[in-house]
C-alpha atoms as a PDB file:
ATOM      1  CA  MET A   1      92.413 -69.394 -49.102  1.00  0.00           C
ATOM      2  CA  ASP A   2      95.759 -71.039 -49.779  1.00  0.00           C
ATOM      3  CA  TYR A   3      96.376 -74.327 -47.963  1.00  0.00           C
ATOM      4  CA  PRO A   4      99.837 -75.851 -47.476  1.00  0.00           C
ATOM      5  CA  THR A   5     100.902 -79.379 -48.344  1.00  0.00           C
ATOM      6  CA  ARG A   6     101.708 -81.604 -45.372  1.00  0.00           C
ATOM      7  CA  PRO A   7     103.894 -84.638 -44.826  1.00  0.00           C
ATOM      8  CA  LYS A   8     102.026 -87.919 -44.444  1.00  0.00           C
ATOM      9  CA  LEU A   9     102.771 -89.050 -40.904  1.00  0.00           C
ATOM     10  CA  ARG A  10     100.050 -91.663 -40.314  1.00  0.00           C
ATOM     11  CA  ALA A  11      98.038 -94.219 -42.241  1.00  0.00           C
ATOM     12  CA  VAL A  12      94.823 -92.202 -41.781  1.00  0.00           C
ATOM     13  CA  ILE A  13      94.468 -89.353 -44.269  1.00  0.00           C
ATOM     14  CA  PRO A  14      93.113 -86.177 -42.609  1.00  0.00           C
ATOM     15  CA  TYR A  15      89.836 -84.731 -43.840  1.00  0.00           C
ATOM     16  CA  GLY A  16      90.479 -82.169 -46.576  1.00  0.00           C
ATOM     17  CA  TYR A  17      93.680 -83.801 -47.814  1.00  0.00           C
ATOM     18  CA  GLU A  18      94.642 -86.561 -50.223  1.00  0.00           C
ATOM     19  CA  VAL A  19      97.856 -88.442 -50.946  1.00  0.00           C
ATOM     20  CA  SER A  20      99.920 -86.880 -53.702  1.00  0.00           C
ATOM     21  CA  PRO A  21     100.052 -89.067 -56.814  1.00  0.00           C
ATOM     22  CA  LYS A  22     103.683 -88.055 -57.346  1.00  0.00           C
ATOM     23  CA  ASP A  23     104.919 -88.523 -53.756  1.00  0.00           C
ATOM     24  CA  PRO A  24     103.072 -90.965 -51.462  1.00  0.00           C
ATOM     25  CA  LYS A  25     104.702 -89.367 -48.413  1.00  0.00           C
ATOM     26  CA  LEU A  26     103.066 -86.012 -49.124  1.00  0.00           C
ATOM     27  CA  LEU A  27      99.482 -84.863 -48.557  1.00  0.00           C
ATOM     28  CA  ILE A  28      97.988 -82.268 -50.850  1.00  0.00           C
ATOM     29  CA  PRO A  29      95.035 -80.103 -49.811  1.00  0.00           C
ATOM     30  CA  ILE A  30      91.567 -80.325 -51.325  1.00  0.00           C
ATOM     31  CA  PRO A  31      90.566 -76.631 -51.214  1.00  0.00           C
ATOM     32  CA  SER A  32      86.830 -77.229 -51.665  1.00  0.00           C
ATOM     33  CA  GLU A  33      86.697 -79.577 -48.656  1.00  0.00           C
ATOM     34  CA  LEU A  34      88.852 -77.311 -46.495  1.00  0.00           C
ATOM     35  CA  ASP A  35      86.724 -74.268 -47.379  1.00  0.00           C
ATOM     36  CA  LEU A  36      83.578 -76.155 -46.341  1.00  0.00           C
ATOM     37  CA  LEU A  37      85.317 -77.337 -43.160  1.00  0.00           C
ATOM     38  CA  ASN A  38      86.207 -73.744 -42.250  1.00  0.00           C
ATOM     39  CA  HIS A  39      82.608 -72.697 -42.957  1.00  0.00           C
ATOM     40  CA  VAL A  40      81.394 -75.355 -40.499  1.00  0.00           C
ATOM     41  CA  TYR A  41      83.975 -74.140 -37.943  1.00  0.00           C
ATOM     42  CA  ASP A  42      82.590 -70.604 -38.274  1.00  0.00           C
ATOM     43  CA  LEU A  43      79.047 -71.866 -37.716  1.00  0.00           C
ATOM     44  CA  MET A  44      80.223 -73.853 -34.694  1.00  0.00           C
ATOM     45  CA  ASP A  45      81.962 -70.741 -33.317  1.00  0.00           C
ATOM     46  CA  GLN A  46      78.658 -68.881 -33.532  1.00  0.00           C
ATOM     47  CA  LYS A  47      76.862 -71.858 -31.928  1.00  0.00           C
ATOM     48  CA  ILE A  48      74.508 -72.104 -34.925  1.00  0.00           C
ATOM     49  CA  ILE A  49      75.308 -75.804 -35.401  1.00  0.00           C
ATOM     50  CA  GLY A  50      77.070 -78.487 -33.396  1.00  0.00           C
ATOM     51  CA  SER A  51      79.461 -81.225 -34.402  1.00  0.00           C
ATOM     52  CA  PRO A  52      76.723 -83.862 -35.012  1.00  0.00           C
ATOM     53  CA  PHE A  53      74.977 -81.750 -37.650  1.00  0.00           C
ATOM     54  CA  GLY A  54      78.271 -80.409 -39.031  1.00  0.00           C
ATOM     55  CA  SER A  55      79.703 -83.875 -39.579  1.00  0.00           C
ATOM     56  CA  ARG A  56      76.527 -85.156 -41.268  1.00  0.00           C
ATOM     57  CA  TRP A  57      76.360 -82.070 -43.505  1.00  0.00           C
ATOM     58  CA  LEU A  58      80.026 -82.320 -44.550  1.00  0.00           C
ATOM     59  CA  THR A  59      79.606 -86.013 -45.341  1.00  0.00           C
ATOM     60  CA  ALA A  60      76.454 -85.339 -47.396  1.00  0.00           C
ATOM     61  CA  VAL A  61      77.931 -82.408 -49.334  1.00  0.00           C
ATOM     62  CA  THR A  62      81.422 -83.783 -50.043  1.00  0.00           C
ATOM     63  CA  GLY A  63      80.739 -87.509 -50.100  1.00  0.00           C
ATOM     64  CA  ARG A  64      83.714 -87.979 -47.793  1.00  0.00           C
ATOM     65  CA  SER A  65      83.003 -89.287 -44.310  1.00  0.00           C
ATOM     66  CA  ILE A  66      83.937 -87.427 -41.124  1.00  0.00           C
ATOM     67  CA  SER A  67      82.663 -88.504 -37.721  1.00  0.00           C
ATOM     68  CA  GLN A  68      81.176 -86.204 -35.107  1.00  0.00           C
ATOM     69  CA  ARG A  69      84.084 -86.956 -32.795  1.00  0.00           C
ATOM     70  CA  GLY A  70      86.613 -86.456 -35.597  1.00  0.00           C
ATOM     71  CA  LEU A  71      85.127 -83.064 -36.478  1.00  0.00           C
ATOM     72  CA  LEU A  72      85.086 -81.951 -32.850  1.00  0.00           C
ATOM     73  CA  LYS A  73      88.701 -83.067 -32.309  1.00  0.00           C
ATOM     74  CA  LYS A  74      89.830 -81.238 -35.466  1.00  0.00           C
ATOM     75  CA  TYR A  75      87.821 -78.143 -34.487  1.00  0.00           C
ATOM     76  CA  LYS A  76      89.323 -77.950 -31.006  1.00  0.00           C
ATOM     77  CA  HIS A  77      92.852 -78.488 -32.336  1.00  0.00           C
ATOM     78  CA  GLU A  78      92.644 -75.973 -35.176  1.00  0.00           C
ATOM     79  CA  ARG A  79      90.624 -73.243 -33.442  1.00  0.00           C
ATOM     80  CA  LYS A  80      92.838 -73.405 -30.355  1.00  0.00           C
ATOM     81  CA  LYS A  81      95.726 -72.115 -32.513  1.00  0.00           C
ATOM     82  CA  GLU A  82      93.829 -68.951 -33.487  1.00  0.00           C
END
């Protein structure tokens, strides 16, 4: 899947993105993290896992922390668009 770059609007960097080394006002996607995040969303859609397990699994697999609340907020925001 192809993920777009985003402008950096806040101090907190969203999960699945990193600051561009060339332009600090631009966020570039990390495809591996975003693919795993979408996989967790699919499992949450099917009610196989919940946000507590999903957040712990993502943190363990990627080494990048995401809270249960952060995952749930991101899930509701992104899946509401679909």
